[in-house]
Amino acid sequence: MTAPASISHADIVGARPAVTAAVARTPTLRAQFVEERLGGPVALKTENLQLGGSFKIRRAVAKLGTLPIGP
C-alpha cells in the first residue's frame, strides 16, 4: 500500500470554489449532555446533514474538480 500524497495549503485553497458550490453549509451544535459529563465545551459539526450524509463529499468534489473534462 502506498502512502497518500500530501495535501498543501494551495490545494485546499484551490478546491474551495468547487466545494463551496457543491456542498451545503452545516451548523455546529453544542453537545450540552456531553459537556456536562466532560466538564468542558463540546461542539458537534453536523456533516450528517449533507446530501450524501458524510464529510466525504468535500474530498470527492475537490478531487472531481481536478480531473480533466472530455476526451
N, C-alpha and C. Protein backbone atom coordinates (compact mmCIF):
# COMPACT_ATOMS: atom_id res chain seq x y z
N MET A 1 0.85 -1.18 0.00
CA MET A 1 0.00 0.00 0.00
C MET A 1 0.89 1.24 0.00
N THR A 2 0.58 2.19 -0.86
CA THR A 2 1.39 3.40 -0.92
C THR A 2 0.80 4.47 -0.01
N ALA A 3 1.67 5.34 0.46
CA ALA A 3 1.23 6.45 1.32
C ALA A 3 0.47 7.47 0.49
N PRO A 4 -0.56 8.08 1.06
CA PRO A 4 -1.30 9.11 0.31
C PRO A 4 -0.42 10.33 0.08
N ALA A 5 -0.68 11.01 -1.03
CA ALA A 5 0.07 12.23 -1.33
C ALA A 5 -0.31 13.29 -0.31
N SER A 6 0.66 14.12 0.04
CA SER A 6 0.36 15.18 1.00
C SER A 6 -0.46 16.28 0.31
N ILE A 7 -1.29 16.93 1.09
CA ILE A 7 -2.14 18.00 0.59
C ILE A 7 -1.61 19.32 1.12
N SER A 8 -1.37 20.24 0.22
CA SER A 8 -0.80 21.53 0.60
C SER A 8 -1.91 22.55 0.87
N HIS A 9 -1.52 23.65 1.45
CA HIS A 9 -2.46 24.76 1.67
C HIS A 9 -3.00 25.25 0.34
N ALA A 10 -2.16 25.31 -0.68
CA ALA A 10 -2.59 25.74 -2.02
C ALA A 10 -3.65 24.79 -2.58
N ASP A 11 -3.51 23.48 -2.32
CA ASP A 11 -4.51 22.50 -2.76
C ASP A 11 -5.87 22.80 -2.12
N ILE A 12 -5.85 23.11 -0.84
CA ILE A 12 -7.09 23.39 -0.12
C ILE A 12 -7.73 24.67 -0.64
N VAL A 13 -6.94 25.71 -0.80
CA VAL A 13 -7.46 26.98 -1.31
C VAL A 13 -8.00 26.80 -2.73
N GLY A 14 -7.32 26.02 -3.55
CA GLY A 14 -7.76 25.78 -4.92
C GLY A 14 -9.05 24.99 -5.01
N ALA A 15 -9.30 24.12 -4.04
CA ALA A 15 -10.51 23.30 -4.05
C ALA A 15 -11.73 24.04 -3.52
N ARG A 16 -11.51 25.12 -2.83
CA ARG A 16 -12.62 25.81 -2.17
C ARG A 16 -13.77 26.21 -3.10
N PRO A 17 -13.52 26.81 -4.27
CA PRO A 17 -14.65 27.20 -5.12
C PRO A 17 -15.55 26.03 -5.51
N ALA A 18 -14.97 24.90 -5.88
CA ALA A 18 -15.76 23.74 -6.28
C ALA A 18 -16.54 23.18 -5.09
N VAL A 19 -15.89 23.10 -3.95
CA VAL A 19 -16.54 22.55 -2.76
C VAL A 19 -17.66 23.48 -2.30
N THR A 20 -17.41 24.77 -2.29
CA THR A 20 -18.42 25.74 -1.86
C THR A 20 -19.66 25.67 -2.75
N ALA A 21 -19.46 25.45 -4.04
CA ALA A 21 -20.59 25.40 -4.97
C ALA A 21 -21.41 24.12 -4.82
N ALA A 22 -20.81 23.04 -4.35
CA ALA A 22 -21.48 21.75 -4.34
C ALA A 22 -21.90 21.23 -2.97
N VAL A 23 -21.36 21.81 -1.92
CA VAL A 23 -21.56 21.26 -0.58
C VAL A 23 -22.35 22.25 0.29
N ALA A 24 -23.32 21.74 1.01
CA ALA A 24 -24.13 22.58 1.89
C ALA A 24 -23.34 22.99 3.14
N ARG A 25 -23.58 24.20 3.61
CA ARG A 25 -23.01 24.62 4.89
C ARG A 25 -23.84 23.97 5.99
N THR A 26 -23.19 23.34 6.94
CA THR A 26 -23.90 22.67 8.02
C THR A 26 -23.56 23.35 9.35
N PRO A 27 -24.51 23.36 10.27
CA PRO A 27 -24.28 24.05 11.54
C PRO A 27 -23.39 23.25 12.49
N THR A 28 -22.85 23.97 13.45
CA THR A 28 -22.15 23.37 14.57
C THR A 28 -23.05 23.53 15.78
N LEU A 29 -23.31 22.45 16.48
CA LEU A 29 -24.23 22.47 17.62
C LEU A 29 -23.51 22.13 18.92
N ARG A 30 -23.93 22.77 20.00
CA ARG A 30 -23.39 22.43 21.32
C ARG A 30 -23.91 21.07 21.74
N ALA A 31 -23.07 20.29 22.35
CA ALA A 31 -23.46 18.98 22.87
C ALA A 31 -23.54 19.11 24.39
N GLN A 32 -24.64 19.69 24.88
CA GLN A 32 -24.77 20.02 26.30
C GLN A 32 -24.63 18.80 27.20
N PHE A 33 -25.26 17.68 26.82
CA PHE A 33 -25.17 16.47 27.63
C PHE A 33 -23.71 16.02 27.79
N VAL A 34 -22.98 16.05 26.70
CA VAL A 34 -21.57 15.64 26.73
C VAL A 34 -20.75 16.66 27.52
N GLU A 35 -21.04 17.94 27.33
CA GLU A 35 -20.34 18.99 28.07
C GLU A 35 -20.48 18.79 29.58
N GLU A 36 -21.69 18.47 30.02
CA GLU A 36 -21.93 18.25 31.45
C GLU A 36 -21.14 17.07 31.98
N ARG A 37 -21.02 16.03 31.19
CA ARG A 37 -20.28 14.83 31.64
C ARG A 37 -18.77 15.05 31.61
N LEU A 38 -18.28 15.85 30.63
CA LEU A 38 -16.84 16.06 30.50
C LEU A 38 -16.35 17.30 31.21
N GLY A 39 -17.28 18.19 31.54
CA GLY A 39 -16.89 19.40 32.26
C GLY A 39 -16.24 20.47 31.39
N GLY A 40 -16.55 20.47 30.11
CA GLY A 40 -15.99 21.48 29.22
C GLY A 40 -16.80 21.59 27.95
N PRO A 41 -16.49 22.58 27.13
CA PRO A 41 -17.27 22.80 25.92
C PRO A 41 -17.04 21.70 24.87
N VAL A 42 -18.13 21.28 24.24
CA VAL A 42 -18.07 20.29 23.17
C VAL A 42 -19.00 20.75 22.06
N ALA A 43 -18.50 20.79 20.84
CA ALA A 43 -19.32 21.17 19.70
C ALA A 43 -19.30 20.03 18.68
N LEU A 44 -20.44 19.81 18.05
CA LEU A 44 -20.54 18.77 17.03
C LEU A 44 -20.85 19.41 15.69
N LYS A 45 -20.11 19.03 14.68
CA LYS A 45 -20.34 19.50 13.32
C LYS A 45 -21.30 18.53 12.66
N THR A 46 -22.43 19.02 12.18
CA THR A 46 -23.50 18.17 11.69
C THR A 46 -23.33 17.82 10.20
N GLU A 47 -22.23 17.19 9.88
CA GLU A 47 -21.96 16.79 8.50
C GLU A 47 -22.92 15.71 8.02
N ASN A 48 -23.61 15.06 8.95
CA ASN A 48 -24.60 14.06 8.56
C ASN A 48 -25.78 14.69 7.82
N LEU A 49 -25.88 16.01 7.82
CA LEU A 49 -26.94 16.71 7.10
C LEU A 49 -26.59 16.94 5.63
N GLN A 50 -25.39 16.56 5.21
CA GLN A 50 -25.01 16.68 3.80
C GLN A 50 -25.88 15.74 2.97
N LEU A 51 -26.03 16.03 1.70
CA LEU A 51 -26.83 15.20 0.82
C LEU A 51 -26.37 13.74 0.87
N GLY A 52 -25.08 13.52 0.88
CA GLY A 52 -24.54 12.15 0.96
C GLY A 52 -24.45 11.63 2.38
N GLY A 53 -24.76 12.47 3.36
CA GLY A 53 -24.73 12.05 4.76
C GLY A 53 -23.34 11.88 5.32
N SER A 54 -22.35 12.54 4.72
CA SER A 54 -20.97 12.31 5.15
C SER A 54 -20.08 13.49 4.81
N PHE A 55 -18.98 13.60 5.54
CA PHE A 55 -17.98 14.62 5.24
C PHE A 55 -17.23 14.27 3.95
N LYS A 56 -17.30 13.04 3.50
CA LYS A 56 -16.52 12.59 2.34
C LYS A 56 -16.88 13.33 1.06
N ILE A 57 -18.06 13.94 1.02
CA ILE A 57 -18.47 14.67 -0.18
C ILE A 57 -17.49 15.80 -0.48
N ARG A 58 -16.91 16.41 0.54
CA ARG A 58 -15.97 17.52 0.32
C ARG A 58 -14.75 17.05 -0.46
N ARG A 59 -14.19 15.94 -0.06
CA ARG A 59 -12.99 15.42 -0.75
C ARG A 59 -13.35 14.95 -2.15
N ALA A 60 -14.50 14.33 -2.30
CA ALA A 60 -14.90 13.84 -3.62
C ALA A 60 -15.07 15.00 -4.59
N VAL A 61 -15.72 16.07 -4.16
CA VAL A 61 -15.92 17.23 -5.03
C VAL A 61 -14.58 17.88 -5.36
N ALA A 62 -13.71 17.98 -4.38
CA ALA A 62 -12.39 18.58 -4.62
C ALA A 62 -11.62 17.76 -5.67
N LYS A 63 -11.67 16.44 -5.55
CA LYS A 63 -10.96 15.57 -6.50
C LYS A 63 -11.57 15.69 -7.89
N LEU A 64 -12.89 15.67 -7.99
CA LEU A 64 -13.54 15.79 -9.29
C LEU A 64 -13.16 17.11 -9.97
N GLY A 65 -12.99 18.14 -9.18
CA GLY A 65 -12.60 19.43 -9.73
C GLY A 65 -11.22 19.46 -10.36
N THR A 66 -10.40 18.48 -10.04
CA THR A 66 -9.04 18.44 -10.60
C THR A 66 -8.93 17.57 -11.84
N LEU A 67 -10.00 16.82 -12.16
CA LEU A 67 -9.94 15.91 -13.30
C LEU A 67 -10.23 16.62 -14.61
N PRO A 68 -9.56 16.22 -15.69
CA PRO A 68 -9.81 16.84 -16.99
C PRO A 68 -11.22 16.49 -17.49
N ILE A 69 -11.80 17.39 -18.23
CA ILE A 69 -13.13 17.18 -18.79
C ILE A 69 -13.01 16.76 -20.25
N GLY A 70 -13.74 15.73 -20.61
CA GLY A 70 -13.78 15.29 -22.01
C GLY A 70 -12.59 14.43 -22.41
N PRO A 71 -12.60 13.98 -23.65
CA PRO A 71 -11.53 13.08 -24.14
C PRO A 71 -10.22 13.80 -24.38
